[in-house]
PDB file of N, CA and C in Angstrom:
ATOM      1  N   UNK A   1    -101.074 -70.882  47.368  1.00  0.00           N
ATOM      2  CA  UNK A   1    -102.043 -70.843  46.280  1.00  0.00           C
ATOM      3  C   UNK A   1    -101.421 -70.251  45.016  1.00  0.00           C
ATOM      4  N   UNK A   2    -101.924 -70.687  43.903  1.00  0.00           N
ATOM      5  CA  UNK A   2    -101.425 -70.233  42.610  1.00  0.00           C
ATOM      6  C   UNK A   2    -102.484 -69.359  41.950  1.00  0.00           C
ATOM      7  N   UNK A   3    -102.052 -68.264  41.357  1.00  0.00           N
ATOM      8  CA  UNK A   3    -102.952 -67.358  40.660  1.00  0.00           C
ATOM      9  C   UNK A   3    -102.543 -67.307  39.202  1.00  0.00           C
ATOM     10  N   UNK A   4    -103.489 -67.521  38.317  1.00  0.00           N
ATOM     11  CA  UNK A   4    -103.223 -67.438  36.882  1.00  0.00           C
ATOM     12  C   UNK A   4    -104.094 -66.352  36.282  1.00  0.00           C
ATOM     13  N   UNK A   5    -103.517 -65.562  35.411  1.00  0.00           N
ATOM     14  CA  UNK A   5    -104.254 -64.516  34.720  1.00  0.00           C
ATOM     15  C   UNK A   5    -104.247 -64.822  33.237  1.00  0.00           C
ATOM     16  N   UNK A   6    -105.374 -64.602  32.583  1.00  0.00           N
ATOM     17  CA  UNK A   6    -105.482 -64.836  31.147  1.00  0.00           C
ATOM     18  C   UNK A   6    -105.984 -63.578  30.472  1.00  0.00           C
ATOM     19  N   UNK A   7    -105.501 -63.318  29.290  1.00  0.00           N
ATOM     20  CA  UNK A   7    -105.980 -62.216  28.484  1.00  0.00           C
ATOM     21  C   UNK A   7    -107.342 -62.583  27.923  1.00  0.00           C
ATOM     22  N   UNK A   8    -108.303 -61.654  28.008  1.00  0.00           N
ATOM     23  CA  UNK A   8    -109.664 -61.978  27.596  1.00  0.00           C
ATOM     24  C   UNK A   8    -109.771 -62.369  26.130  1.00  0.00           C
ATOM     25  N   UNK A   9    -108.838 -61.949  25.299  1.00  0.00           N
ATOM     26  CA  UNK A   9    -108.897 -62.298  23.879  1.00  0.00           C
ATOM     27  C   UNK A   9    -108.917 -63.813  23.705  1.00  0.00           C
ATOM     28  N   UNK A  10    -108.283 -64.531  24.585  1.00  0.00           N
ATOM     29  CA  UNK A  10    -108.292 -65.989  24.510  1.00  0.00           C
ATOM     30  C   UNK A  10    -109.704 -66.550  24.496  1.00  0.00           C
ATOM     31  N   UNK A  11    -110.612 -65.894  25.167  1.00  0.00           N
ATOM     32  CA  UNK A  11    -111.954 -66.430  25.339  1.00  0.00           C
ATOM     33  C   UNK A  11    -112.907 -66.083  24.195  1.00  0.00           C
ATOM     34  N   UNK A  12    -112.430 -65.354  23.206  1.00  0.00           N
ATOM     35  CA  UNK A  12    -113.270 -65.104  22.036  1.00  0.00           C
ATOM     36  C   UNK A  12    -113.464 -66.379  21.220  1.00  0.00           C
ATOM     37  N   UNK A  13    -112.526 -67.302  21.321  1.00  0.00           N
ATOM     38  CA  UNK A  13    -112.552 -68.524  20.529  1.00  0.00           C
ATOM     39  C   UNK A  13    -112.535 -69.738  21.453  1.00  0.00           C
ATOM     40  N   UNK A  14    -113.482 -70.670  21.298  1.00  0.00           N
ATOM     41  CA  UNK A  14    -113.548 -71.843  22.184  1.00  0.00           C
ATOM     42  C   UNK A  14    -112.238 -72.623  22.279  1.00  0.00           C
ATOM     43  N   UNK A  15    -111.538 -72.805  21.173  1.00  0.00           N
ATOM     44  CA  UNK A  15    -110.282 -73.567  21.210  1.00  0.00           C
ATOM     45  C   UNK A  15    -109.230 -72.856  22.056  1.00  0.00           C
ATOM     46  N   UNK A  16    -109.192 -71.542  21.972  1.00  0.00           N
ATOM     47  CA  UNK A  16    -108.244 -70.778  22.781  1.00  0.00           C
ATOM     48  C   UNK A  16    -108.639 -70.801  24.250  1.00  0.00           C
ATOM     49  N   UNK A  17    -109.939 -70.778  24.515  1.00  0.00           N
ATOM     50  CA  UNK A  17    -110.416 -70.866  25.898  1.00  0.00           C
ATOM     51  C   UNK A  17    -110.008 -72.205  26.501  1.00  0.00           C
ATOM     52  N   UNK A  18    -110.096 -73.257  25.705  1.00  0.00           N
ATOM     53  CA  UNK A  18    -109.687 -74.582  26.182  1.00  0.00           C
ATOM     54  C   UNK A  18    -108.209 -74.574  26.581  1.00  0.00           C
ATOM     55  N   UNK A  19    -107.387 -73.937  25.770  1.00  0.00           N
ATOM     56  CA  UNK A  19    -105.961 -73.851  26.077  1.00  0.00           C
ATOM     57  C   UNK A  19    -105.724 -73.050  27.358  1.00  0.00           C
ATOM     58  N   UNK A  20    -106.498 -71.996  27.565  1.00  0.00           N
ATOM     59  CA  UNK A  20    -106.334 -71.165  28.761  1.00  0.00           C
ATOM     60  C   UNK A  20    -106.597 -71.951  30.037  1.00  0.00           C
ATOM     61  N   UNK A  21    -107.453 -72.967  29.958  1.00  0.00           N
ATOM     62  CA  UNK A  21    -107.778 -73.783  31.126  1.00  0.00           C
ATOM     63  C   UNK A  21    -106.956 -75.075  31.174  1.00  0.00           C
ATOM     64  N   UNK A  22    -105.931 -75.178  30.363  1.00  0.00           N
ATOM     65  CA  UNK A  22    -105.174 -76.428  30.286  1.00  0.00           C
ATOM     66  C   UNK A  22    -104.430 -76.768  31.576  1.00  0.00           C
ATOM     67  N   UNK A  23    -104.189 -75.787  32.426  1.00  0.00           N
ATOM     68  CA  UNK A  23    -103.537 -76.049  33.710  1.00  0.00           C
ATOM     69  C   UNK A  23    -104.532 -76.369  34.814  1.00  0.00           C
ATOM     70  N   UNK A  24    -105.811 -76.495  34.490  1.00  0.00           N
ATOM     71  CA  UNK A  24    -106.833 -76.805  35.490  1.00  0.00           C
ATOM     72  C   UNK A  24    -106.484 -78.138  36.135  1.00  0.00           C
ATOM     73  N   UNK A  25    -106.904 -78.428  37.338  1.00  0.00           N
ATOM     74  CA  UNK A  25    -108.057 -77.807  37.970  1.00  0.00           C
ATOM     75  C   UNK A  25    -107.697 -76.557  38.777  1.00  0.00           C
ATOM     76  N   UNK A  26    -108.622 -75.628  38.748  1.00  0.00           N
ATOM     77  CA  UNK A  26    -108.575 -74.438  39.588  1.00  0.00           C
ATOM     78  C   UNK A  26    -109.761 -74.512  40.525  1.00  0.00           C
ATOM     79  N   UNK A  27    -109.678 -73.814  41.637  1.00  0.00           N
ATOM     80  CA  UNK A  27    -110.817 -73.761  42.548  1.00  0.00           C
ATOM     81  C   UNK A  27    -111.903 -72.832  42.022  1.00  0.00           C
ATOM     82  N   UNK A  28    -111.487 -71.756  41.360  1.00  0.00           N
ATOM     83  CA  UNK A  28    -112.472 -70.804  40.854  1.00  0.00           C
ATOM     84  C   UNK A  28    -111.912 -70.035  39.666  1.00  0.00           C
ATOM     85  N   UNK A  29    -112.825 -69.404  38.938  1.00  0.00           N
ATOM     86  CA  UNK A  29    -112.490 -68.539  37.814  1.00  0.00           C
ATOM     87  C   UNK A  29    -113.270 -67.247  38.004  1.00  0.00           C
ATOM     88  N   UNK A  30    -112.593 -66.114  37.907  1.00  0.00           N
ATOM     89  CA  UNK A  30    -113.246 -64.813  38.012  1.00  0.00           C
ATOM     90  C   UNK A  30    -113.135 -64.132  36.657  1.00  0.00           C
ATOM     91  N   UNK A  31    -114.266 -63.852  36.042  1.00  0.00           N
ATOM     92  CA  UNK A  31    -114.292 -63.178  34.747  1.00  0.00           C
ATOM     93  C   UNK A  31    -114.558 -61.696  34.974  1.00  0.00           C
ATOM     94  N   UNK A  32    -113.570 -60.865  34.649  1.00  0.00           N
ATOM     95  CA  UNK A  32    -113.687 -59.417  34.787  1.00  0.00           C
ATOM     96  C   UNK A  32    -113.717 -58.718  33.428  1.00  0.00           C
ATOM     97  N   UNK A  33    -113.801 -59.478  32.354  1.00  0.00           N
ATOM     98  CA  UNK A  33    -113.796 -58.891  31.013  1.00  0.00           C
ATOM     99  C   UNK A  33    -115.039 -58.041  30.810  1.00  0.00           C
ATOM    100  N   UNK A  34    -114.870 -56.917  30.117  1.00  0.00           N
ATOM    101  CA  UNK A  34    -116.000 -56.017  29.904  1.00  0.00           C
ATOM    102  C   UNK A  34    -115.729 -55.077  28.742  1.00  0.00           C
ATOM    103  N   UNK A  35    -116.777 -54.499  28.243  1.00  0.00           N
ATOM    104  CA  UNK A  35    -116.695 -53.411  27.270  1.00  0.00           C
ATOM    105  C   UNK A  35    -117.131 -52.163  28.021  1.00  0.00           C
ATOM    106  N   UNK A  36    -116.241 -51.197  28.161  1.00  0.00           N
ATOM    107  CA  UNK A  36    -116.518 -50.058  29.027  1.00  0.00           C
ATOM    108  C   UNK A  36    -116.985 -48.804  28.302  1.00  0.00           C
ATOM    109  N   UNK A  37    -116.956 -48.802  26.998  1.00  0.00           N
ATOM    110  CA  UNK A  37    -117.391 -47.613  26.256  1.00  0.00           C
ATOM    111  C   UNK A  37    -118.908 -47.606  26.126  1.00  0.00           C
ATOM    112  N   UNK A  38    -119.507 -46.459  26.392  1.00  0.00           N
ATOM    113  CA  UNK A  38    -120.952 -46.307  26.245  1.00  0.00           C
ATOM    114  C   UNK A  38    -121.323 -46.143  24.776  1.00  0.00           C
ATOM    115  N   UNK A  39    -122.519 -46.569  24.437  1.00  0.00           N
ATOM    116  CA  UNK A  39    -123.059 -46.320  23.116  1.00  0.00           C
ATOM    117  C   UNK A  39    -122.512 -47.204  22.007  1.00  0.00           C
ATOM    118  N   UNK A  40    -121.894 -48.312  22.331  1.00  0.00           N
ATOM    119  CA  UNK A  40    -121.413 -49.236  21.312  1.00  0.00           C
ATOM    120  C   UNK A  40    -122.608 -49.954  20.676  1.00  0.00           C
ATOM    121  N   UNK A  41    -122.386 -50.498  19.505  1.00  0.00           N
ATOM    122  CA  UNK A  41    -123.451 -51.255  18.855  1.00  0.00           C
ATOM    123  C   UNK A  41    -123.700 -52.542  19.629  1.00  0.00           C
ATOM    124  N   UNK A  42    -124.881 -53.105  19.444  1.00  0.00           N
ATOM    125  CA  UNK A  42    -125.226 -54.349  20.124  1.00  0.00           C
ATOM    126  C   UNK A  42    -124.247 -55.463  19.762  1.00  0.00           C
ATOM    127  N   UNK A  43    -123.769 -55.468  18.532  1.00  0.00           N
ATOM    128  CA  UNK A  43    -122.826 -56.498  18.086  1.00  0.00           C
ATOM    129  C   UNK A  43    -121.515 -56.440  18.874  1.00  0.00           C
ATOM    130  N   UNK A  44    -121.057 -55.242  19.199  1.00  0.00           N
ATOM    131  CA  UNK A  44    -119.830 -55.094  19.991  1.00  0.00           C
ATOM    132  C   UNK A  44    -120.011 -55.750  21.352  1.00  0.00           C
ATOM    133  N   UNK A  45    -121.163 -55.526  21.977  1.00  0.00           N
ATOM    134  CA  UNK A  45    -121.418 -56.123  23.286  1.00  0.00           C
ATOM    135  C   UNK A  45    -121.581 -57.642  23.183  1.00  0.00           C
ATOM    136  N   UNK A  46    -122.240 -58.102  22.128  1.00  0.00           N
ATOM    137  CA  UNK A  46    -122.407 -59.553  21.946  1.00  0.00           C
ATOM    138  C   UNK A  46    -121.051 -60.238  21.784  1.00  0.00           C
ATOM    139  N   UNK A  47    -120.187 -59.655  20.988  1.00  0.00           N
ATOM    140  CA  UNK A  47    -118.881 -60.258  20.709  1.00  0.00           C
ATOM    141  C   UNK A  47    -117.927 -60.108  21.895  1.00  0.00           C
ATOM    142  N   UNK A  48    -117.856 -58.909  22.448  1.00  0.00           N
ATOM    143  CA  UNK A  48    -116.855 -58.618  23.466  1.00  0.00           C
ATOM    144  C   UNK A  48    -117.245 -58.928  24.891  1.00  0.00           C
ATOM    145  N   UNK A  49    -118.526 -59.116  25.142  1.00  0.00           N
ATOM    146  CA  UNK A  49    -118.970 -59.395  26.509  1.00  0.00           C
ATOM    147  C   UNK A  49    -119.678 -60.743  26.583  1.00  0.00           C
ATOM    148  N   UNK A  50    -120.762 -60.892  25.842  1.00  0.00           N
ATOM    149  CA  UNK A  50    -121.568 -62.113  25.935  1.00  0.00           C
ATOM    150  C   UNK A  50    -120.772 -63.330  25.461  1.00  0.00           C
ATOM    151  N   UNK A  51    -120.177 -63.244  24.284  1.00  0.00           N
ATOM    152  CA  UNK A  51    -119.437 -64.387  23.737  1.00  0.00           C
ATOM    153  C   UNK A  51    -118.249 -64.757  24.629  1.00  0.00           C
ATOM    154  N   UNK A  52    -117.511 -63.754  25.085  1.00  0.00           N
ATOM    155  CA  UNK A  52    -116.371 -64.005  25.966  1.00  0.00           C
ATOM    156  C   UNK A  52    -116.831 -64.684  27.253  1.00  0.00           C
ATOM    157  N   UNK A  53    -117.908 -64.166  27.852  1.00  0.00           N
ATOM    158  CA  UNK A  53    -118.415 -64.738  29.105  1.00  0.00           C
ATOM    159  C   UNK A  53    -118.895 -66.172  28.922  1.00  0.00           C
ATOM    160  N   UNK A  54    -119.631 -66.423  27.848  1.00  0.00           N
ATOM    161  CA  UNK A  54    -120.128 -67.781  27.606  1.00  0.00           C
ATOM    162  C   UNK A  54    -118.994 -68.767  27.343  1.00  0.00           C
ATOM    163  N   UNK A  55    -118.033 -68.382  26.526  1.00  0.00           N
ATOM    164  CA  UNK A  55    -116.899 -69.271  26.258  1.00  0.00           C
ATOM    165  C   UNK A  55    -116.121 -69.567  27.534  1.00  0.00           C
ATOM    166  N   UNK A  56    -115.922 -68.551  28.335  1.00  0.00           N
ATOM    167  CA  UNK A  56    -115.192 -68.724  29.591  1.00  0.00           C
ATOM    168  C   UNK A  56    -115.970 -69.631  30.540  1.00  0.00           C
ATOM    169  N   UNK A  57    -117.263 -69.385  30.707  1.00  0.00           N
ATOM    170  CA  UNK A  57    -118.088 -70.192  31.614  1.00  0.00           C
ATOM    171  C   UNK A  57    -118.184 -71.640  31.147  1.00  0.00           C
ATOM    172  N   UNK A  58    -118.365 -71.837  29.860  1.00  0.00           N
ATOM    173  CA  UNK A  58    -118.463 -73.206  29.333  1.00  0.00           C
ATOM    174  C   UNK A  58    -117.170 -73.988  29.565  1.00  0.00           C
ATOM    175  N   UNK A  59    -116.051 -73.334  29.311  1.00  0.00           N
ATOM    176  CA  UNK A  59    -114.783 -74.030  29.496  1.00  0.00           C
ATOM    177  C   UNK A  59    -114.496 -74.258  30.976  1.00  0.00           C
ATOM    178  N   UNK A  60    -114.889 -73.328  31.823  1.00  0.00           N
ATOM    179  CA  UNK A  60    -114.724 -73.517  33.270  1.00  0.00           C
ATOM    180  C   UNK A  60    -115.509 -74.743  33.725  1.00  0.00           C
ATOM    181  N   UNK A  61    -116.739 -74.866  33.266  1.00  0.00           N
ATOM    182  CA  UNK A  61    -117.569 -76.024  33.632  1.00  0.00           C
ATOM    183  C   UNK A  61    -116.956 -77.314  33.097  1.00  0.00           C
ATOM    184  N   UNK A  62    -116.519 -77.288  31.851  1.00  0.00           N
ATOM    185  CA  UNK A  62    -115.917 -78.473  31.226  1.00  0.00           C
ATOM    186  C   UNK A  62    -114.638 -78.901  31.952  1.00  0.00           C
ATOM    187  N   UNK A  63    -113.922 -77.931  32.512  1.00  0.00           N
ATOM    188  CA  UNK A  63    -112.654 -78.198  33.187  1.00  0.00           C
ATOM    189  C   UNK A  63    -112.818 -78.543  34.660  1.00  0.00           C
ATOM    190  N   UNK A  64    -114.058 -78.547  35.142  1.00  0.00           N
ATOM    191  CA  UNK A  64    -114.304 -78.911  36.534  1.00  0.00           C
ATOM    192  C   UNK A  64    -114.043 -77.807  37.536  1.00  0.00           C
ATOM    193  N   UNK A  65    -114.070 -76.556  37.084  1.00  0.00           N
ATOM    194  CA  UNK A  65    -113.872 -75.428  37.993  1.00  0.00           C
ATOM    195  C   UNK A  65    -115.017 -75.416  39.004  1.00  0.00           C
ATOM    196  N   UNK A  66    -114.685 -75.256  40.277  1.00  0.00           N
ATOM    197  CA  UNK A  66    -115.694 -75.347  41.329  1.00  0.00           C
ATOM    198  C   UNK A  66    -116.615 -74.131  41.389  1.00  0.00           C
ATOM    199  N   UNK A  67    -116.080 -72.951  41.123  1.00  0.00           N
ATOM    200  CA  UNK A  67    -116.880 -71.726  41.179  1.00  0.00           C
ATOM    201  C   UNK A  67    -116.526 -70.834  39.998  1.00  0.00           C
ATOM    202  N   UNK A  68    -117.551 -70.269  39.360  1.00  0.00           N
ATOM    203  CA  UNK A  68    -117.366 -69.301  38.280  1.00  0.00           C
ATOM    204  C   UNK A  68    -117.997 -68.001  38.743  1.00  0.00           C
ATOM    205  N   UNK A  69    -117.205 -66.947  38.797  1.00  0.00           N
ATOM    206  CA  UNK A  69    -117.684 -65.650  39.271  1.00  0.00           C
ATOM    207  C   UNK A  69    -117.638 -64.674  38.107  1.00  0.00           C
ATOM    208  N   UNK A  70    -118.778 -64.124  37.769  1.00  0.00           N
ATOM    209  CA  UNK A  70    -118.904 -63.146  36.683  1.00  0.00           C
ATOM    210  C   UNK A  70    -119.097 -61.776  37.321  1.00  0.00           C
ATOM    211  N   UNK A  71    -118.192 -60.845  37.031  1.00  0.00           N
ATOM    212  CA  UNK A  71    -118.310 -59.484  37.538  1.00  0.00           C
ATOM    213  C   UNK A  71    -118.663 -58.602  36.354  1.00  0.00           C
ATOM    214  N   UNK A  72    -119.805 -57.952  36.450  1.00  0.00           N
ATOM    215  CA  UNK A  72    -120.284 -57.153  35.331  1.00  0.00           C
ATOM    216  C   UNK A  72    -121.147 -56.020  35.852  1.00  0.00           C
ATOM    217  N   UNK A  73    -121.564 -55.184  34.946  1.00  0.00           N
ATOM    218  CA  UNK A  73    -122.478 -54.106  35.288  1.00  0.00           C
ATOM    219  C   UNK A  73    -123.507 -54.004  34.181  1.00  0.00           C
ATOM    220  N   UNK A  74    -124.669 -53.570  34.531  1.00  0.00           N
ATOM    221  CA  UNK A  74    -125.696 -53.318  33.534  1.00  0.00           C
ATOM    222  C   UNK A  74    -125.956 -51.829  33.474  1.00  0.00           C
ATOM    223  N   UNK A  75    -125.765 -51.251  32.324  1.00  0.00           N
ATOM    224  CA  UNK A  75    -126.032 -49.825  32.192  1.00  0.00           C
ATOM    225  C   UNK A  75    -127.534 -49.622  32.078  1.00  0.00           C
ATOM    226  N   UNK A  76    -128.064 -48.801  32.940  1.00  0.00           N
ATOM    227  CA  UNK A  76    -129.512 -48.631  33.013  1.00  0.00           C
ATOM    228  C   UNK A  76    -129.978 -47.321  32.400  1.00  0.00           C
ATOM    229  N   UNK A  77    -129.090 -46.631  31.720  1.00  0.00           N
ATOM    230  CA  UNK A  77    -129.482 -45.395  31.066  1.00  0.00           C
ATOM    231  C   UNK A  77    -129.066 -45.440  29.607  1.00  0.00           C
ATOM    232  N   UNK A  78    -129.670 -44.589  28.815  1.00  0.00           N
ATOM    233  CA  UNK A  78    -129.407 -44.612  27.377  1.00  0.00           C
ATOM    234  C   UNK A  78    -128.011 -44.079  27.061  1.00  0.00           C
ATOM    235  N   UNK A  79    -127.515 -44.419  25.889  1.00  0.00           N
ATOM    236  CA  UNK A  79    -126.183 -44.030  25.468  1.00  0.00           C
ATOM    237  C   UNK A  79    -125.997 -42.543  25.251  1.00  0.00           C
ATOM    238  N   UNK A  80    -127.095 -41.767  25.163  1.00  0.00           N
ATOM    239  CA  UNK A  80    -126.963 -40.332  24.936  1.00  0.00           C
ATOM    240  C   UNK A  80    -126.778 -39.547  26.226  1.00  0.00           C
ATOM    241  N   UNK A  81    -126.697 -40.215  27.361  1.00  0.00           N
ATOM    242  CA  UNK A  81    -126.524 -39.510  28.644  1.00  0.00           C
ATOM    243  C   UNK A  81    -125.116 -39.655  29.149  1.00  0.00           C
TER     244      UNK A  81
END
């Protein structure tokens, strides 16, 4: 089996995400990208987590990836704790 790793920055831009999947087909894609600092602005999370995840998932689907696995966490407490 072959394992490929991509830097999450590639997935900020759809064209770069397309290039990252250029060696497809893969059996699966595991997205581990995350923003780990507490108390960031909503825009930081939208850009660094949501946008990256959506671009990655869309390109995985377009490339015929059989399984897309998103690993994430939801912080359930306020940023002041």
